[in-house]
PDB file of N, CA and C in Angstrom:
ATOM      1  N   MET A   1     -46.817 158.777  21.663  1.00  0.00           N
ATOM      2  CA  MET A   1     -47.352 159.848  22.466  1.00  0.00           C
ATOM      3  C   MET A   1     -47.759 160.995  21.541  1.00  0.00           C
ATOM      4  N   ILE A   2     -48.847 161.615  21.844  1.00  0.00           N
ATOM      5  CA  ILE A   2     -49.371 162.701  21.021  1.00  0.00           C
ATOM      6  C   ILE A   2     -48.939 164.030  21.622  1.00  0.00           C
ATOM      7  N   ASP A   3     -48.348 164.863  20.782  1.00  0.00           N
ATOM      8  CA  ASP A   3     -47.962 166.204  21.200  1.00  0.00           C
ATOM      9  C   ASP A   3     -49.090 167.144  20.797  1.00  0.00           C
ATOM     10  N   VAL A   4     -49.895 167.532  21.766  1.00  0.00           N
ATOM     11  CA  VAL A   4     -51.079 168.353  21.498  1.00  0.00           C
ATOM     12  C   VAL A   4     -50.681 169.704  20.933  1.00  0.00           C
ATOM     13  N   ASN A   5     -49.603 170.274  21.425  1.00  0.00           N
ATOM     14  CA  ASN A   5     -49.162 171.588  20.924  1.00  0.00           C
ATOM     15  C   ASN A   5     -48.749 171.503  19.458  1.00  0.00           C
ATOM     16  N   GLU A   6     -48.021 170.444  19.108  1.00  0.00           N
ATOM     17  CA  GLU A   6     -47.608 170.271  17.711  1.00  0.00           C
ATOM     18  C   GLU A   6     -48.824 170.074  16.806  1.00  0.00           C
ATOM     19  N   LEU A   7     -49.781 169.277  17.262  1.00  0.00           N
ATOM     20  CA  LEU A   7     -51.004 169.061  16.500  1.00  0.00           C
ATOM     21  C   LEU A   7     -51.760 170.373  16.306  1.00  0.00           C
ATOM     22  N   THR A   8     -51.856 171.154  17.370  1.00  0.00           N
ATOM     23  CA  THR A   8     -52.542 172.450  17.294  1.00  0.00           C
ATOM     24  C   THR A   8     -51.838 173.373  16.299  1.00  0.00           C
ATOM     25  N   ASP A   9     -50.512 173.429  16.371  1.00  0.00           N
ATOM     26  CA  ASP A   9     -49.746 174.271  15.434  1.00  0.00           C
ATOM     27  C   ASP A   9     -49.966 173.819  13.995  1.00  0.00           C
ATOM     28  N   THR A  10     -49.993 172.512  13.765  1.00  0.00           N
ATOM     29  CA  THR A  10     -50.200 171.984  12.423  1.00  0.00           C
ATOM     30  C   THR A  10     -51.584 172.346  11.903  1.00  0.00           C
ATOM     31  N   LEU A  11     -52.593 172.193  12.734  1.00  0.00           N
ATOM     32  CA  LEU A  11     -53.961 172.539  12.317  1.00  0.00           C
ATOM     33  C   LEU A  11     -54.096 174.027  12.021  1.00  0.00           C
ATOM     34  N   ILE A  12     -53.482 174.859  12.841  1.00  0.00           N
ATOM     35  CA  ILE A  12     -53.508 176.307  12.583  1.00  0.00           C
ATOM     36  C   ILE A  12     -52.791 176.617  11.278  1.00  0.00           C
ATOM     37  N   ASN A  13     -51.653 175.951  11.028  1.00  0.00           N
ATOM     38  CA  ASN A  13     -50.900 176.160   9.795  1.00  0.00           C
ATOM     39  C   ASN A  13     -51.723 175.751   8.574  1.00  0.00           C
ATOM     40  N   VAL A  14     -52.404 174.620   8.667  1.00  0.00           N
ATOM     41  CA  VAL A  14     -53.249 174.160   7.558  1.00  0.00           C
ATOM     42  C   VAL A  14     -54.379 175.155   7.316  1.00  0.00           C
ATOM     43  N   HIS A  15     -54.990 175.623   8.382  1.00  0.00           N
ATOM     44  CA  HIS A  15     -56.101 176.572   8.249  1.00  0.00           C
ATOM     45  C   HIS A  15     -55.622 177.913   7.682  1.00  0.00           C
ATOM     46  N   SER A  16     -54.428 178.334   8.063  1.00  0.00           N
ATOM     47  CA  SER A  16     -53.898 179.631   7.627  1.00  0.00           C
ATOM     48  C   SER A  16     -53.316 179.585   6.221  1.00  0.00           C
ATOM     49  N   ASN A  17     -52.907 178.414   5.753  1.00  0.00           N
ATOM     50  CA  ASN A  17     -52.263 178.279   4.444  1.00  0.00           C
ATOM     51  C   ASN A  17     -53.033 177.273   3.598  1.00  0.00           C
ATOM     52  N   LYS A  18     -54.205 177.651   3.188  1.00  0.00           N
ATOM     53  CA  LYS A  18     -55.094 176.720   2.485  1.00  0.00           C
ATOM     54  C   LYS A  18     -54.508 176.225   1.163  1.00  0.00           C
ATOM     55  N   GLU A  19     -53.808 177.066   0.431  1.00  0.00           N
ATOM     56  CA  GLU A  19     -53.217 176.627  -0.842  1.00  0.00           C
ATOM     57  C   GLU A  19     -52.125 175.584  -0.609  1.00  0.00           C
ATOM     58  N   GLU A  20     -51.287 175.823   0.378  1.00  0.00           N
ATOM     59  CA  GLU A  20     -50.228 174.853   0.694  1.00  0.00           C
ATOM     60  C   GLU A  20     -50.851 173.545   1.186  1.00  0.00           C
ATOM     61  N   ALA A  21     -51.884 173.633   1.989  1.00  0.00           N
ATOM     62  CA  ALA A  21     -52.561 172.432   2.487  1.00  0.00           C
ATOM     63  C   ALA A  21     -53.190 171.662   1.332  1.00  0.00           C
ATOM     64  N   LYS A  22     -53.788 172.389   0.379  1.00  0.00           N
ATOM     65  CA  LYS A  22     -54.402 171.736  -0.782  1.00  0.00           C
ATOM     66  C   LYS A  22     -53.336 171.013  -1.607  1.00  0.00           C
ATOM     67  N   LYS A  23     -52.193 171.661  -1.809  1.00  0.00           N
ATOM     68  CA  LYS A  23     -51.104 171.060  -2.585  1.00  0.00           C
ATOM     69  C   LYS A  23     -50.583 169.800  -1.883  1.00  0.00           C
ATOM     70  N   LYS A  24     -50.417 169.867  -0.560  1.00  0.00           N
ATOM     71  CA  LYS A  24     -49.948 168.696   0.188  1.00  0.00           C
ATOM     72  C   LYS A  24     -50.964 167.563   0.118  1.00  0.00           C
ATOM     73  N   ALA A  25     -52.237 167.903   0.190  1.00  0.00           N
ATOM     74  CA  ALA A  25     -53.285 166.878   0.110  1.00  0.00           C
ATOM     75  C   ALA A  25     -53.276 166.220  -1.261  1.00  0.00           C
ATOM     76  N   GLU A  26     -53.110 167.008  -2.314  1.00  0.00           N
ATOM     77  CA  GLU A  26     -53.058 166.455  -3.670  1.00  0.00           C
ATOM     78  C   GLU A  26     -51.831 165.552  -3.841  1.00  0.00           C
ATOM     79  N   ASN A  27     -50.700 165.985  -3.317  1.00  0.00           N
ATOM     80  CA  ASN A  27     -49.476 165.171  -3.399  1.00  0.00           C
ATOM     81  C   ASN A  27     -49.648 163.869  -2.620  1.00  0.00           C
ATOM     82  N   ALA A  28     -50.268 163.952  -1.465  1.00  0.00           N
ATOM     83  CA  ALA A  28     -50.503 162.747  -0.663  1.00  0.00           C
ATOM     84  C   ALA A  28     -51.435 161.790  -1.404  1.00  0.00           C
ATOM     85  N   TYR A  29     -52.470 162.331  -2.032  1.00  0.00           N
ATOM     86  CA  TYR A  29     -53.404 161.504  -2.794  1.00  0.00           C
ATOM     87  C   TYR A  29     -52.686 160.811  -3.951  1.00  0.00           C
ATOM     88  N   LYS A  30     -51.841 161.551  -4.668  1.00  0.00           N
ATOM     89  CA  LYS A  30     -51.076 160.963  -5.770  1.00  0.00           C
ATOM     90  C   LYS A  30     -50.163 159.849  -5.261  1.00  0.00           C
ATOM     91  N   TRP A  31     -49.512 160.088  -4.129  1.00  0.00           N
ATOM     92  CA  TRP A  31     -48.607 159.084  -3.564  1.00  0.00           C
ATOM     93  C   TRP A  31     -49.379 157.820  -3.191  1.00  0.00           C
ATOM     94  N   VAL A  32     -50.524 157.999  -2.543  1.00  0.00           N
ATOM     95  CA  VAL A  32     -51.321 156.843  -2.125  1.00  0.00           C
ATOM     96  C   VAL A  32     -51.822 156.066  -3.333  1.00  0.00           C
ATOM     97  N   THR A  33     -52.288 156.766  -4.353  1.00  0.00           N
ATOM     98  CA  THR A  33     -52.869 156.077  -5.510  1.00  0.00           C
ATOM     99  C   THR A  33     -51.818 155.449  -6.429  1.00  0.00           C
ATOM    100  N   THR A  34     -50.563 155.888  -6.332  1.00  0.00           N
ATOM    101  CA  THR A  34     -49.526 155.288  -7.180  1.00  0.00           C
ATOM    102  C   THR A  34     -48.630 154.329  -6.406  1.00  0.00           C
ATOM    103  N   SER A  35     -48.198 154.720  -5.232  1.00  0.00           N
ATOM    104  CA  SER A  35     -47.250 153.903  -4.472  1.00  0.00           C
ATOM    105  C   SER A  35     -47.920 152.840  -3.616  1.00  0.00           C
ATOM    106  N   MET A  36     -49.161 153.018  -3.319  1.00  0.00           N
ATOM    107  CA  MET A  36     -49.841 152.083  -2.432  1.00  0.00           C
ATOM    108  C   MET A  36     -50.694 151.086  -3.216  1.00  0.00           C
ATOM    109  N   ASP A  37     -50.400 150.915  -4.480  1.00  0.00           N
ATOM    110  CA  ASP A  37     -51.132 149.972  -5.304  1.00  0.00           C
ATOM    111  C   ASP A  37     -50.801 148.551  -4.871  1.00  0.00           C
ATOM    112  N   TRP A  38     -51.811 147.786  -4.500  1.00  0.00           N
ATOM    113  CA  TRP A  38     -51.605 146.434  -3.969  1.00  0.00           C
ATOM    114  C   TRP A  38     -50.913 145.527  -4.982  1.00  0.00           C
ATOM    115  N   GLN A  39     -51.414 145.506  -6.206  1.00  0.00           N
ATOM    116  CA  GLN A  39     -50.884 144.587  -7.218  1.00  0.00           C
ATOM    117  C   GLN A  39     -49.446 144.915  -7.594  1.00  0.00           C
ATOM    118  N   LYS A  40     -49.116 146.188  -7.684  1.00  0.00           N
ATOM    119  CA  LYS A  40     -47.783 146.567  -8.160  1.00  0.00           C
ATOM    120  C   LYS A  40     -46.738 146.604  -7.053  1.00  0.00           C
ATOM    121  N   HIS A  41     -47.134 147.009  -5.859  1.00  0.00           N
ATOM    122  CA  HIS A  41     -46.121 147.266  -4.834  1.00  0.00           C
ATOM    123  C   HIS A  41     -46.325 146.465  -3.547  1.00  0.00           C
ATOM    124  N   ILE A  42     -47.450 146.648  -2.921  1.00  0.00           N
ATOM    125  CA  ILE A  42     -47.650 146.090  -1.585  1.00  0.00           C
ATOM    126  C   ILE A  42     -47.706 144.570  -1.604  1.00  0.00           C
ATOM    127  N   GLY A  43     -48.445 144.003  -2.535  1.00  0.00           N
ATOM    128  CA  GLY A  43     -48.552 142.547  -2.622  1.00  0.00           C
ATOM    129  C   GLY A  43     -47.192 141.892  -2.789  1.00  0.00           C
ATOM    130  N   ALA A  44     -46.372 142.449  -3.651  1.00  0.00           N
ATOM    131  CA  ALA A  44     -45.030 141.886  -3.893  1.00  0.00           C
ATOM    132  C   ALA A  44     -44.169 141.961  -2.632  1.00  0.00           C
ATOM    133  N   GLN A  45     -44.308 143.036  -1.872  1.00  0.00           N
ATOM    134  CA  GLN A  45     -43.542 143.167  -0.634  1.00  0.00           C
ATOM    135  C   GLN A  45     -43.982 142.117   0.390  1.00  0.00           C
ATOM    136  N   TRP A  46     -45.279 141.873   0.476  1.00  0.00           N
ATOM    137  CA  TRP A  46     -45.783 140.847   1.401  1.00  0.00           C
ATOM    138  C   TRP A  46     -45.304 139.456   0.985  1.00  0.00           C
ATOM    139  N   VAL A  47     -45.355 139.181  -0.300  1.00  0.00           N
ATOM    140  CA  VAL A  47     -44.904 137.867  -0.777  1.00  0.00           C
ATOM    141  C   VAL A  47     -43.425 137.676  -0.454  1.00  0.00           C
ATOM    142  N   ALA A  48     -42.613 138.705  -0.668  1.00  0.00           N
ATOM    143  CA  ALA A  48     -41.182 138.611  -0.356  1.00  0.00           C
ATOM    144  C   ALA A  48     -40.973 138.375   1.144  1.00  0.00           C
ATOM    145  N   LEU A  49     -41.751 139.053   1.965  1.00  0.00           N
ATOM    146  CA  LEU A  49     -41.642 138.873   3.405  1.00  0.00           C
ATOM    147  C   LEU A  49     -42.030 137.450   3.813  1.00  0.00           C
ATOM    148  N   PHE A  50     -43.146 136.948   3.277  1.00  0.00           N
ATOM    149  CA  PHE A  50     -43.584 135.590   3.592  1.00  0.00           C
ATOM    150  C   PHE A  50     -42.549 134.558   3.131  1.00  0.00           C
ATOM    151  N   ASP A  51     -41.983 134.770   1.948  1.00  0.00           N
ATOM    152  CA  ASP A  51     -40.950 133.850   1.459  1.00  0.00           C
ATOM    153  C   ASP A  51     -39.740 133.833   2.392  1.00  0.00           C
ATOM    154  N   LYS A  52     -39.339 135.010   2.852  1.00  0.00           N
ATOM    155  CA  LYS A  52     -38.192 135.103   3.754  1.00  0.00           C
ATOM    156  C   LYS A  52     -38.488 134.383   5.067  1.00  0.00           C
ATOM    157  N   VAL A  53     -39.660 134.621   5.636  1.00  0.00           N
ATOM    158  CA  VAL A  53     -40.035 133.979   6.895  1.00  0.00           C
ATOM    159  C   VAL A  53     -40.138 132.468   6.710  1.00  0.00           C
ATOM    160  N   HIS A  54     -40.725 132.058   5.615  1.00  0.00           N
ATOM    161  CA  HIS A  54     -40.871 130.619   5.347  1.00  0.00           C
ATOM    162  C   HIS A  54     -39.501 129.956   5.232  1.00  0.00           C
ATOM    163  N   GLY A  55     -38.576 130.599   4.536  1.00  0.00           N
ATOM    164  CA  GLY A  55     -37.222 130.054   4.400  1.00  0.00           C
ATOM    165  C   GLY A  55     -36.528 129.961   5.751  1.00  0.00           C
ATOM    166  N   THR A  56     -36.723 130.972   6.588  1.00  0.00           N
ATOM    167  CA  THR A  56     -36.133 130.954   7.928  1.00  0.00           C
ATOM    168  C   THR A  56     -36.710 129.812   8.747  1.00  0.00           C
ATOM    169  N   LEU A  57     -38.021 129.608   8.659  1.00  0.00           N
ATOM    170  CA  LEU A  57     -38.657 128.519   9.402  1.00  0.00           C
ATOM    171  C   LEU A  57     -38.177 127.163   8.904  1.00  0.00           C
ATOM    172  N   GLU A  58     -38.025 127.023   7.591  1.00  0.00           N
ATOM    173  CA  GLU A  58     -37.525 125.754   7.049  1.00  0.00           C
ATOM    174  C   GLU A  58     -36.117 125.476   7.561  1.00  0.00           C
ATOM    175  N   ASP A  59     -35.257 126.508   7.570  1.00  0.00           N
ATOM    176  CA  ASP A  59     -33.888 126.344   8.070  1.00  0.00           C
ATOM    177  C   ASP A  59     -33.904 125.949   9.545  1.00  0.00           C
ATOM    178  N   THR A  60     -34.767 126.609  10.320  1.00  0.00           N
ATOM    179  CA  THR A  60     -34.861 126.312  11.751  1.00  0.00           C
ATOM    180  C   THR A  60     -35.351 124.888  11.966  1.00  0.00           C
ATOM    181  N   ASN A  61     -36.359 124.467  11.207  1.00  0.00           N
ATOM    182  CA  ASN A  61     -36.866 123.103  11.334  1.00  0.00           C
ATOM    183  C   ASN A  61     -35.792 122.080  10.991  1.00  0.00           C
ATOM    184  N   LYS A  62     -35.009 122.342   9.952  1.00  0.00           N
ATOM    185  CA  LYS A  62     -33.935 121.422   9.565  1.00  0.00           C
ATOM    186  C   LYS A  62     -32.906 121.328  10.676  1.00  0.00           C
ATOM    187  N   GLU A  63     -32.539 122.481  11.247  1.00  0.00           N
ATOM    188  CA  GLU A  63     -31.566 122.479  12.339  1.00  0.00           C
ATOM    189  C   GLU A  63     -32.100 121.699  13.534  1.00  0.00           C
ATOM    190  N   MET A  64     -33.350 121.898  13.866  1.00  0.00           N
ATOM    191  CA  MET A  64     -33.952 121.178  14.997  1.00  0.00           C
ATOM    192  C   MET A  64     -33.979 119.678  14.725  1.00  0.00           C
ATOM    193  N   ASN A  65     -34.336 119.289  13.516  1.00  0.00           N
ATOM    194  CA  ASN A  65     -34.345 117.866  13.164  1.00  0.00           C
ATOM    195  C   ASN A  65     -32.939 117.274  13.248  1.00  0.00           C
ATOM    196  N   ASP A  66     -31.934 118.045  12.824  1.00  0.00           N
ATOM    197  CA  ASP A  66     -30.546 117.582  12.917  1.00  0.00           C
ATOM    198  C   ASP A  66     -30.142 117.381  14.376  1.00  0.00           C
ATOM    199  N   VAL A  67     -30.545 118.305  15.235  1.00  0.00           N
ATOM    200  CA  VAL A  67     -30.225 118.190  16.661  1.00  0.00           C
ATOM    201  C   VAL A  67     -30.908 116.963  17.244  1.00  0.00           C
ATOM    202  N   ILE A  68     -32.170 116.767  16.935  1.00  0.00           N
ATOM    203  CA  ILE A  68     -32.921 115.615  17.452  1.00  0.00           C
ATOM    204  C   ILE A  68     -32.292 114.312  16.971  1.00  0.00           C
ATOM    205  N   THR A  69     -31.900 114.279  15.697  1.00  0.00           N
ATOM    206  CA  THR A  69     -31.245 113.081  15.156  1.00  0.00           C
ATOM    207  C   THR A  69     -29.925 112.833  15.865  1.00  0.00           C
ATOM    208  N   SER A  70     -29.161 113.904  16.103  1.00  0.00           N
ATOM    209  CA  SER A  70     -27.873 113.765  16.798  1.00  0.00           C
ATOM    210  C   SER A  70     -28.073 113.223  18.198  1.00  0.00           C
ATOM    211  N   ILE A  71     -29.066 113.714  18.888  1.00  0.00           N
ATOM    212  CA  ILE A  71     -29.339 113.244  20.248  1.00  0.00           C
ATOM    213  C   ILE A  71     -29.721 111.768  20.217  1.00  0.00           C
ATOM    214  N   GLY A  72     -30.514 111.376  19.246  1.00  0.00           N
ATOM    215  CA  GLY A  72     -30.928 109.979  19.125  1.00  0.00           C
ATOM    216  C   GLY A  72     -29.777 109.048  18.812  1.00  0.00           C
ATOM    217  N   ASN A  73     -28.722 109.575  18.192  1.00  0.00           N
ATOM    218  CA  ASN A  73     -27.576 108.752  17.814  1.00  0.00           C
ATOM    219  C   ASN A  73     -26.474 108.728  18.871  1.00  0.00           C
ATOM    220  N   LEU A  74     -26.658 109.393  19.996  1.00  0.00           N
ATOM    221  CA  LEU A  74     -25.627 109.430  21.039  1.00  0.00           C
ATOM    222  C   LEU A  74     -25.515 108.074  21.728  1.00  0.00           C
ATOM    223  N   THR A  75     -24.313 107.732  22.057  1.00  0.00           N
ATOM    224  CA  THR A  75     -24.068 106.513  22.824  1.00  0.00           C
ATOM    225  C   THR A  75     -24.056 106.917  24.291  1.00  0.00           C
ATOM    226  N   PRO A  76     -24.795 106.221  25.122  1.00  0.00           N
ATOM    227  CA  PRO A  76     -24.811 106.585  26.539  1.00  0.00           C
ATOM    228  C   PRO A  76     -23.412 106.495  27.142  1.00  0.00           C
ATOM    229  N   VAL A  77     -23.049 107.456  27.958  1.00  0.00           N
ATOM    230  CA  VAL A  77     -21.731 107.470  28.587  1.00  0.00           C
ATOM    231  C   VAL A  77     -21.735 106.533  29.784  1.00  0.00           C
ATOM    232  N   ILE A  78     -22.796 106.492  30.534  1.00  0.00           N
ATOM    233  CA  ILE A  78     -22.889 105.619  31.695  1.00  0.00           C
ATOM    234  C   ILE A  78     -23.923 104.546  31.385  1.00  0.00           C
ATOM    235  N   GLU A  79     -23.489 103.326  31.458  1.00  0.00           N
ATOM    236  CA  GLU A  79     -24.408 102.232  31.209  1.00  0.00           C
ATOM    237  C   GLU A  79     -24.831 101.633  32.542  1.00  0.00           C
ATOM    238  N   SER A  80     -26.061 101.285  32.648  1.00  0.00           N
ATOM    239  CA  SER A  80     -26.533 100.726  33.907  1.00  0.00           C
ATOM    240  C   SER A  80     -26.069  99.277  34.036  1.00  0.00           C
ATOM    241  N   GLU A  81     -25.850  98.848  35.255  1.00  0.00           N
ATOM    242  CA  GLU A  81     -25.471  97.462  35.506  1.00  0.00           C
ATOM    243  C   GLU A  81     -26.717  96.606  35.604  1.00  0.00           C
ATOM    244  N   GLU A  82     -26.635  95.439  35.061  1.00  0.00           N
ATOM    245  CA  GLU A  82     -27.778  94.541  35.178  1.00  0.00           C
ATOM    246  C   GLU A  82     -27.757  93.913  36.556  1.00  0.00           C
ATOM    247  N   LEU A  83     -28.900  93.789  37.166  1.00  0.00           N
ATOM    248  CA  LEU A  83     -28.981  93.194  38.504  1.00  0.00           C
ATOM    249  C   LEU A  83     -29.229  91.723  38.446  1.00  0.00           C
TER     250      LEU A  83
END
């Protein structure tokens, strides 16, 4: 949800304090250009996430296969009578 009053106050503050706004913009630019580097930071985080998800899926698939195998190996409790 957008707080229009807060947005208005922020815009007035930026307009009234141009030096502070400039400093914040420069700091934000530095952060984006150093911390948001795909090769150094973001790519590695995505790879770690994909590896984690893949490992979870492999574990789940193994568990499901074990359950299916167990069901296939069950001996029927009630056997039908031959007519």
